[in-house]
């Protein structure tokens, strides 16, 4: 719950605007992803892989090196992240505990944020938490989903990084 609480607070702060940013210090490097559906920024020290056509993922991001074949990574290091952005052409699976859902905005679109303890593939990567954001798409386009497998111990920093990425999303309608 710590990760989702941090993300909700960060979404609220980003959504309300911020004071003037300091100009004297250089910020961390930033990289960008863009396709015909969306664009967003992510930390420059993360690795990115756009899978070949036919793959369900739009883009994969990680603090670890990404292989071009499965498995993409072997394990997450401390404070590691493995993110998959995908299109969802089917209805999302109902979460067993709907009280753990939080509605947020991503690029002006309604999204549902859920967090659960890592299991399955995420636990196999030594992940601690699985964060899922399901974003409603405009019209008949498939919904978009971002899943982040996260390893601690510093969930506050990780949540701030993921919130920054989500806050930078812009849709191409």
C-alpha atoms as a PDB file:
ATOM      1  CA  UNK A   1       0.000   0.000   0.000  1.00  0.00           C
ATOM      2  CA  UNK A   2       2.963   2.292   0.540  1.00  0.00           C
ATOM      3  CA  UNK A   3       3.704   2.496  -3.210  1.00  0.00           C
ATOM      4  CA  UNK A   4       0.111   3.243  -4.214  1.00  0.00           C
ATOM      5  CA  UNK A   5      -0.283   5.849  -1.451  1.00  0.00           C
ATOM      6  CA  UNK A   6       2.878   7.605  -2.638  1.00  0.00           C
ATOM      7  CA  UNK A   7       1.656   7.548  -6.244  1.00  0.00           C
ATOM      8  CA  UNK A   8      -1.740   8.995  -5.326  1.00  0.00           C
ATOM      9  CA  UNK A   9      -0.111  11.835  -3.393  1.00  0.00           C
ATOM     10  CA  UNK A  10       2.256  12.515  -6.290  1.00  0.00           C
ATOM     11  CA  UNK A  11      -0.613  12.522  -8.809  1.00  0.00           C
ATOM     12  CA  UNK A  12      -2.416  15.053  -6.637  1.00  0.00           C
ATOM     13  CA  UNK A  13       0.646  17.296  -6.453  1.00  0.00           C
ATOM     14  CA  UNK A  14       1.323  17.063 -10.197  1.00  0.00           C
ATOM     15  CA  UNK A  15      -2.344  17.627 -11.000  1.00  0.00           C
ATOM     16  CA  UNK A  16      -2.505  20.778  -8.882  1.00  0.00           C
ATOM     17  CA  UNK A  17       0.516  22.405 -10.476  1.00  0.00           C
ATOM     18  CA  UNK A  18       3.744  23.358  -8.814  1.00  0.00           C
ATOM     19  CA  UNK A  19       5.763  26.369  -7.855  1.00  0.00           C
ATOM     20  CA  UNK A  20       8.587  27.696 -10.022  1.00  0.00           C
ATOM     21  CA  UNK A  21      11.280  25.101 -10.551  1.00  0.00           C
ATOM     22  CA  UNK A  22      14.885  25.860  -9.603  1.00  0.00           C
ATOM     23  CA  UNK A  23      16.977  26.691 -12.646  1.00  0.00           C
ATOM     24  CA  UNK A  24      20.476  26.530 -11.212  1.00  0.00           C
ATOM     25  CA  UNK A  25      20.858  22.737 -11.065  1.00  0.00           C
ATOM     26  CA  UNK A  26      20.713  20.275 -13.910  1.00  0.00           C
ATOM     27  CA  UNK A  27      18.120  17.545 -13.464  1.00  0.00           C
ATOM     28  CA  UNK A  28      18.602  13.881 -14.195  1.00  0.00           C
ATOM     29  CA  UNK A  29      18.655  12.810 -17.825  1.00  0.00           C
ATOM     30  CA  UNK A  30      15.346  11.980 -19.448  1.00  0.00           C
ATOM     31  CA  UNK A  31      14.535   9.775 -22.428  1.00  0.00           C
ATOM     32  CA  UNK A  32      11.337   9.740 -24.471  1.00  0.00           C
ATOM     33  CA  UNK A  33       9.091   7.130 -26.018  1.00  0.00           C
ATOM     34  CA  UNK A  34       6.730   7.950 -28.867  1.00  0.00           C
ATOM     35  CA  UNK A  35       4.518   5.915 -31.156  1.00  0.00           C
ATOM     36  CA  UNK A  36       1.278   6.596 -33.051  1.00  0.00           C
ATOM     37  CA  UNK A  37      -0.770   6.171 -29.852  1.00  0.00           C
ATOM     38  CA  UNK A  38       1.114   8.092 -27.162  1.00  0.00           C
ATOM     39  CA  UNK A  39       4.324   9.678 -25.941  1.00  0.00           C
ATOM     40  CA  UNK A  40       5.921   9.947 -22.509  1.00  0.00           C
ATOM     41  CA  UNK A  41       9.220  10.559 -20.731  1.00  0.00           C
ATOM     42  CA  UNK A  42      11.116   8.128 -18.533  1.00  0.00           C
ATOM     43  CA  UNK A  43      14.462   8.214 -16.692  1.00  0.00           C
ATOM     44  CA  UNK A  44      17.465   8.326 -18.995  1.00  0.00           C
ATOM     45  CA  UNK A  45      19.211   5.595 -17.009  1.00  0.00           C
ATOM     46  CA  UNK A  46      16.406   3.093 -17.773  1.00  0.00           C
ATOM     47  CA  UNK A  47      16.723   0.704 -20.704  1.00  0.00           C
ATOM     48  CA  UNK A  48      13.979   0.598 -23.350  1.00  0.00           C
ATOM     49  CA  UNK A  49      12.986  -2.048 -25.860  1.00  0.00           C
ATOM     50  CA  UNK A  50      10.300  -1.764 -28.515  1.00  0.00           C
ATOM     51  CA  UNK A  51       9.436  -5.389 -29.309  1.00  0.00           C
ATOM     52  CA  UNK A  52       8.952  -6.576 -32.873  1.00  0.00           C
ATOM     53  CA  UNK A  53       5.476  -6.249 -34.353  1.00  0.00           C
ATOM     54  CA  UNK A  54       3.094  -8.916 -33.145  1.00  0.00           C
ATOM     55  CA  UNK A  55       4.280  -8.627 -29.538  1.00  0.00           C
ATOM     56  CA  UNK A  56       1.627  -7.502 -27.056  1.00  0.00           C
ATOM     57  CA  UNK A  57       3.945  -4.869 -25.543  1.00  0.00           C
ATOM     58  CA  UNK A  58       4.168  -1.367 -26.974  1.00  0.00           C
ATOM     59  CA  UNK A  59       7.418  -0.792 -25.086  1.00  0.00           C
ATOM     60  CA  UNK A  60       9.350  -2.407 -22.242  1.00  0.00           C
ATOM     61  CA  UNK A  61      11.379  -0.356 -19.775  1.00  0.00           C
ATOM     62  CA  UNK A  62      13.691  -1.473 -16.999  1.00  0.00           C
ATOM     63  CA  UNK A  63      16.499  -0.484 -14.713  1.00  0.00           C
ATOM     64  CA  UNK A  64      18.061  -3.778 -15.885  1.00  0.00           C
ATOM     65  CA  UNK A  65      19.455  -4.701 -19.311  1.00  0.00           C
ATOM     66  CA  UNK A  66      16.669  -5.950 -21.599  1.00  0.00           C
ATOM     67  CA  UNK A  67      17.195  -8.949 -23.866  1.00  0.00           C
ATOM     68  CA  UNK A  68      15.541  -9.089 -27.295  1.00  0.00           C
ATOM     69  CA  UNK A  69      14.207 -12.595 -26.501  1.00  0.00           C
ATOM     70  CA  UNK A  70      12.373 -14.063 -23.509  1.00  0.00           C
ATOM     71  CA  UNK A  71      13.153 -13.839 -20.683  1.00  0.00           C
ATOM     72  CA  UNK A  72      13.773 -10.104 -21.117  1.00  0.00           C
ATOM     73  CA  UNK A  73      15.473  -9.852 -17.706  1.00  0.00           C
ATOM     74  CA  UNK A  74      16.636 -12.433 -15.180  1.00  0.00           C
ATOM     75  CA  UNK A  75      16.099 -10.566 -11.911  1.00  0.00           C
ATOM     76  CA  UNK A  76      15.540  -7.082 -10.512  1.00  0.00           C
ATOM     77  CA  UNK A  77      18.276  -5.478  -8.455  1.00  0.00           C
ATOM     78  CA  UNK A  78      17.524  -3.331  -5.389  1.00  0.00           C
ATOM     79  CA  UNK A  79      15.096  -0.513  -6.322  1.00  0.00           C
ATOM     80  CA  UNK A  80      14.695  -2.199  -9.703  1.00  0.00           C
ATOM     81  CA  UNK A  81      11.759  -1.659 -12.039  1.00  0.00           C
ATOM     82  CA  UNK A  82      10.437  -3.646 -15.004  1.00  0.00           C
ATOM     83  CA  UNK A  83       7.627  -1.875 -16.897  1.00  0.00           C
ATOM     84  CA  UNK A  84       5.458  -3.138 -19.746  1.00  0.00           C
ATOM     85  CA  UNK A  85       3.117  -0.802 -21.642  1.00  0.00           C
ATOM     86  CA  UNK A  86       0.508  -2.798 -23.576  1.00  0.00           C
ATOM     87  CA  UNK A  87      -2.776  -2.323 -25.405  1.00  0.00           C
ATOM     88  CA  UNK A  88      -5.739  -4.151 -23.893  1.00  0.00           C
ATOM     89  CA  UNK A  89      -8.357  -5.171 -26.424  1.00  0.00           C
ATOM     90  CA  UNK A  90     -10.390  -7.130 -23.854  1.00  0.00           C
ATOM     91  CA  UNK A  91     -12.083  -6.078 -20.649  1.00  0.00           C
ATOM     92  CA  UNK A  92      -9.706  -5.914 -17.669  1.00  0.00           C
ATOM     93  CA  UNK A  93      -9.777  -8.747 -15.162  1.00  0.00           C
ATOM     94  CA  UNK A  94     -11.783  -7.858 -12.067  1.00  0.00           C
ATOM     95  CA  UNK A  95      -9.480  -7.241  -9.124  1.00  0.00           C
ATOM     96  CA  UNK A  96     -10.353  -9.515  -6.170  1.00  0.00           C
ATOM     97  CA  UNK A  97     -10.216  -6.594  -3.716  1.00  0.00           C
ATOM     98  CA  UNK A  98     -11.758  -3.563  -5.443  1.00  0.00           C
ATOM     99  CA  UNK A  99     -11.072  -1.373  -2.394  1.00  0.00           C
ATOM    100  CA  UNK A 100      -7.400  -1.398  -3.435  1.00  0.00           C
ATOM    101  CA  UNK A 101      -8.258   0.444  -6.694  1.00  0.00           C
ATOM    102  CA  UNK A 102      -7.643   4.165  -7.006  1.00  0.00           C
ATOM    103  CA  UNK A 103      -8.945   6.305  -9.850  1.00  0.00           C
ATOM    104  CA  UNK A 104      -6.382   8.716 -11.334  1.00  0.00           C
ATOM    105  CA  UNK A 105      -5.897  10.715 -14.529  1.00  0.00           C
ATOM    106  CA  UNK A 106      -3.186   9.841 -17.047  1.00  0.00           C
ATOM    107  CA  UNK A 107      -2.802  12.325 -19.868  1.00  0.00           C
ATOM    108  CA  UNK A 108      -6.321  13.608 -19.187  1.00  0.00           C
ATOM    109  CA  UNK A 109      -7.885  10.141 -19.378  1.00  0.00           C
ATOM    110  CA  UNK A 110      -9.461   8.179 -16.565  1.00  0.00           C
ATOM    111  CA  UNK A 111      -7.300   5.363 -15.241  1.00  0.00           C
ATOM    112  CA  UNK A 112      -7.504   2.804 -12.450  1.00  0.00           C
ATOM    113  CA  UNK A 113      -4.398   2.242 -10.363  1.00  0.00           C
ATOM    114  CA  UNK A 114      -3.995  -1.015  -8.437  1.00  0.00           C
ATOM    115  CA  UNK A 115      -1.178  -2.410  -6.351  1.00  0.00           C
ATOM    116  CA  UNK A 116      -0.671  -5.936  -5.117  1.00  0.00           C
ATOM    117  CA  UNK A 117       2.073  -8.067  -3.684  1.00  0.00           C
ATOM    118  CA  UNK A 118       4.199  -9.590  -6.410  1.00  0.00           C
ATOM    119  CA  UNK A 119       3.322 -13.084  -7.520  1.00  0.00           C
ATOM    120  CA  UNK A 120       3.891 -15.144 -10.640  1.00  0.00           C
ATOM    121  CA  UNK A 121       6.324 -13.598 -13.117  1.00  0.00           C
ATOM    122  CA  UNK A 122       6.959 -10.490 -11.008  1.00  0.00           C
ATOM    123  CA  UNK A 123       7.866 -12.528  -7.915  1.00  0.00           C
ATOM    124  CA  UNK A 124      10.081 -14.681 -10.138  1.00  0.00           C
ATOM    125  CA  UNK A 125      12.086 -11.525 -10.942  1.00  0.00           C
ATOM    126  CA  UNK A 126      12.488 -10.841  -7.188  1.00  0.00           C
ATOM    127  CA  UNK A 127       9.875  -8.091  -7.410  1.00  0.00           C
ATOM    128  CA  UNK A 128       8.036  -7.041  -4.248  1.00  0.00           C
ATOM    129  CA  UNK A 129       5.051  -5.160  -5.698  1.00  0.00           C
ATOM    130  CA  UNK A 130       3.072  -5.208  -8.951  1.00  0.00           C
ATOM    131  CA  UNK A 131       1.580  -1.869  -9.922  1.00  0.00           C
ATOM    132  CA  UNK A 132      -1.046  -1.824 -12.690  1.00  0.00           C
ATOM    133  CA  UNK A 133      -2.557   1.250 -14.324  1.00  0.00           C
ATOM    134  CA  UNK A 134      -5.454   0.630 -16.737  1.00  0.00           C
ATOM    135  CA  UNK A 135      -6.160   3.673 -18.889  1.00  0.00           C
ATOM    136  CA  UNK A 136      -9.423   4.183 -20.770  1.00  0.00           C
ATOM    137  CA  UNK A 137      -8.873   4.953 -24.438  1.00  0.00           C
ATOM    138  CA  UNK A 138     -10.927   7.296 -26.526  1.00  0.00           C
ATOM    139  CA  UNK A 139     -13.544   5.804 -28.859  1.00  0.00           C
ATOM    140  CA  UNK A 140     -13.129   2.253 -30.091  1.00  0.00           C
ATOM    141  CA  UNK A 141      -9.370   2.097 -29.560  1.00  0.00           C
ATOM    142  CA  UNK A 142      -8.072  -0.561 -27.144  1.00  0.00           C
ATOM    143  CA  UNK A 143      -7.411   0.519 -23.583  1.00  0.00           C
ATOM    144  CA  UNK A 144      -3.770   0.911 -22.556  1.00  0.00           C
ATOM    145  CA  UNK A 145      -2.221  -0.771 -19.536  1.00  0.00           C
ATOM    146  CA  UNK A 146       1.033  -0.106 -17.739  1.00  0.00           C
ATOM    147  CA  UNK A 147       2.339  -2.812 -15.406  1.00  0.00           C
ATOM    148  CA  UNK A 148       5.370  -2.176 -13.240  1.00  0.00           C
ATOM    149  CA  UNK A 149       7.115  -4.909 -11.288  1.00  0.00           C
ATOM    150  CA  UNK A 150       8.975  -3.091  -8.514  1.00  0.00           C
ATOM    151  CA  UNK A 151      11.622  -4.214  -6.039  1.00  0.00           C
ATOM    152  CA  UNK A 152      12.345  -2.269  -2.840  1.00  0.00           C
ATOM    153  CA  UNK A 153      13.602  -1.045  -0.544  1.00  0.00           C
ATOM    154  CA  UNK A 154      13.071   2.583  -1.613  1.00  0.00           C
ATOM    155  CA  UNK A 155       9.428   2.531  -2.765  1.00  0.00           C
ATOM    156  CA  UNK A 156       9.042   6.319  -2.328  1.00  0.00           C
ATOM    157  CA  UNK A 157      11.720   7.049  -4.948  1.00  0.00           C
ATOM    158  CA  UNK A 158      10.373   4.376  -7.265  1.00  0.00           C
ATOM    159  CA  UNK A 159       6.803   5.658  -6.965  1.00  0.00           C
ATOM    160  CA  UNK A 160       7.956   9.227  -7.668  1.00  0.00           C
ATOM    161  CA  UNK A 161       9.755   8.028 -10.799  1.00  0.00           C
ATOM    162  CA  UNK A 162       6.740   6.073 -12.065  1.00  0.00           C
ATOM    163  CA  UNK A 163       4.379   8.962 -11.230  1.00  0.00           C
ATOM    164  CA  UNK A 164       6.624  11.315 -13.212  1.00  0.00           C
ATOM    165  CA  UNK A 165       6.475   8.998 -16.211  1.00  0.00           C
ATOM    166  CA  UNK A 166       2.682   8.731 -15.985  1.00  0.00           C
ATOM    167  CA  UNK A 167       2.328  12.511 -15.564  1.00  0.00           C
ATOM    168  CA  UNK A 168       4.234  13.055 -18.823  1.00  0.00           C
ATOM    169  CA  UNK A 169       1.897  10.899 -20.953  1.00  0.00           C
ATOM    170  CA  UNK A 170       0.363  12.654 -23.955  1.00  0.00           C
ATOM    171  CA  UNK A 171      -2.175  10.914 -26.205  1.00  0.00           C
ATOM    172  CA  UNK A 172      -2.350  11.180 -29.977  1.00  0.00           C
ATOM    173  CA  UNK A 173      -6.019  11.130 -30.929  1.00  0.00           C
END
